[in-house]
Amino acid sequence: MNWNSPAEFFDMGGHGLFVWGSYGVCLLVMTLEPLLAARRRRQALAEAAAPQGNLSLKDEENE
């Protein structure tokens, strides 16, 4: 395609809102996913490293 001005390029023949909106959503998701995955990993490691109570004593008290 050939555009005569930057405005025509960003308008994308009337489809600019969809095209650039799609790029924006993709960029947002690709930025957030690694950040959220790292957060979930830190939480899982913290849970795994946290001291666990003696579960056998709790089970005996309930019987």
Protein backbone atom coordinates (compact mmCIF):
# COMPACT_ATOMS: atom_id res chain seq x y z
CA MET A 1 0.00 0.00 0.00
CA ASN A 2 1.02 3.55 -0.57
CA TRP A 3 0.12 6.38 1.78
CA ASN A 4 0.46 10.06 0.92
CA SER A 5 0.80 11.27 4.51
CA PRO A 6 1.37 9.98 8.04
CA ALA A 7 -2.29 10.77 8.83
CA GLU A 8 -3.41 8.37 6.06
CA PHE A 9 -1.05 5.72 7.43
CA PHE A 10 -2.46 5.99 10.95
CA ASP A 11 -6.04 6.08 9.61
CA MET A 12 -5.39 2.78 7.74
CA GLY A 13 -8.18 3.43 5.26
CA GLY A 14 -10.77 3.90 8.00
CA HIS A 15 -9.65 0.84 10.00
CA GLY A 16 -7.03 2.62 12.11
CA LEU A 17 -8.98 2.40 15.36
CA PHE A 18 -9.24 -1.39 15.06
CA VAL A 19 -5.65 -1.86 13.87
CA TRP A 20 -3.98 0.39 16.43
CA GLY A 21 -6.34 -0.74 19.19
CA SER A 22 -5.35 -4.33 18.46
CA TYR A 23 -1.68 -3.43 18.64
CA GLY A 24 -2.30 -1.63 21.94
CA VAL A 25 -4.12 -4.58 23.52
CA CYS A 26 -1.42 -6.97 22.31
CA LEU A 27 1.32 -4.76 23.75
CA LEU A 28 -0.54 -4.50 27.06
CA VAL A 29 -0.99 -8.28 27.34
CA MET A 30 2.59 -9.03 26.31
CA THR A 31 3.83 -6.57 28.95
CA LEU A 32 1.58 -7.74 31.78
CA GLU A 33 1.93 -11.51 31.30
CA PRO A 34 5.63 -11.78 32.28
CA LEU A 35 5.08 -9.40 35.20
CA LEU A 36 2.14 -11.41 36.50
CA ALA A 37 3.96 -14.71 35.96
CA ALA A 38 6.94 -13.44 37.97
CA ARG A 39 4.57 -12.34 40.74
CA ARG A 40 2.87 -15.76 40.83
CA ARG A 41 6.29 -17.45 40.92
CA ARG A 42 7.42 -15.32 43.88
CA GLN A 43 4.19 -16.11 45.72
CA ALA A 44 4.56 -19.85 45.05
CA LEU A 45 8.18 -19.84 46.23
CA ALA A 46 7.21 -17.92 49.36
CA GLU A 47 4.42 -20.42 50.09
CA ALA A 48 6.77 -23.35 49.54
CA ALA A 49 9.42 -21.82 51.83
CA ALA A 50 6.96 -20.85 54.58
CA PRO A 51 7.04 -23.13 57.60
CA GLN A 52 4.17 -25.58 57.62
CA GLY A 53 2.45 -26.36 60.89
CA ASN A 54 2.54 -29.89 62.24
CA LEU A 55 -0.49 -31.28 60.46
CA SER A 56 -0.45 -34.59 62.31
CA LEU A 57 -1.19 -32.88 65.65
CA LYS A 58 -4.13 -31.02 64.15
CA ASP A 59 -5.50 -34.26 62.72
CA GLU A 60 -5.22 -36.01 66.11
CA GLU A 61 -7.08 -33.18 67.87
CA ASN A 62 -10.01 -33.49 65.48
CA GLU A 63 -10.46 -37.22 66.13
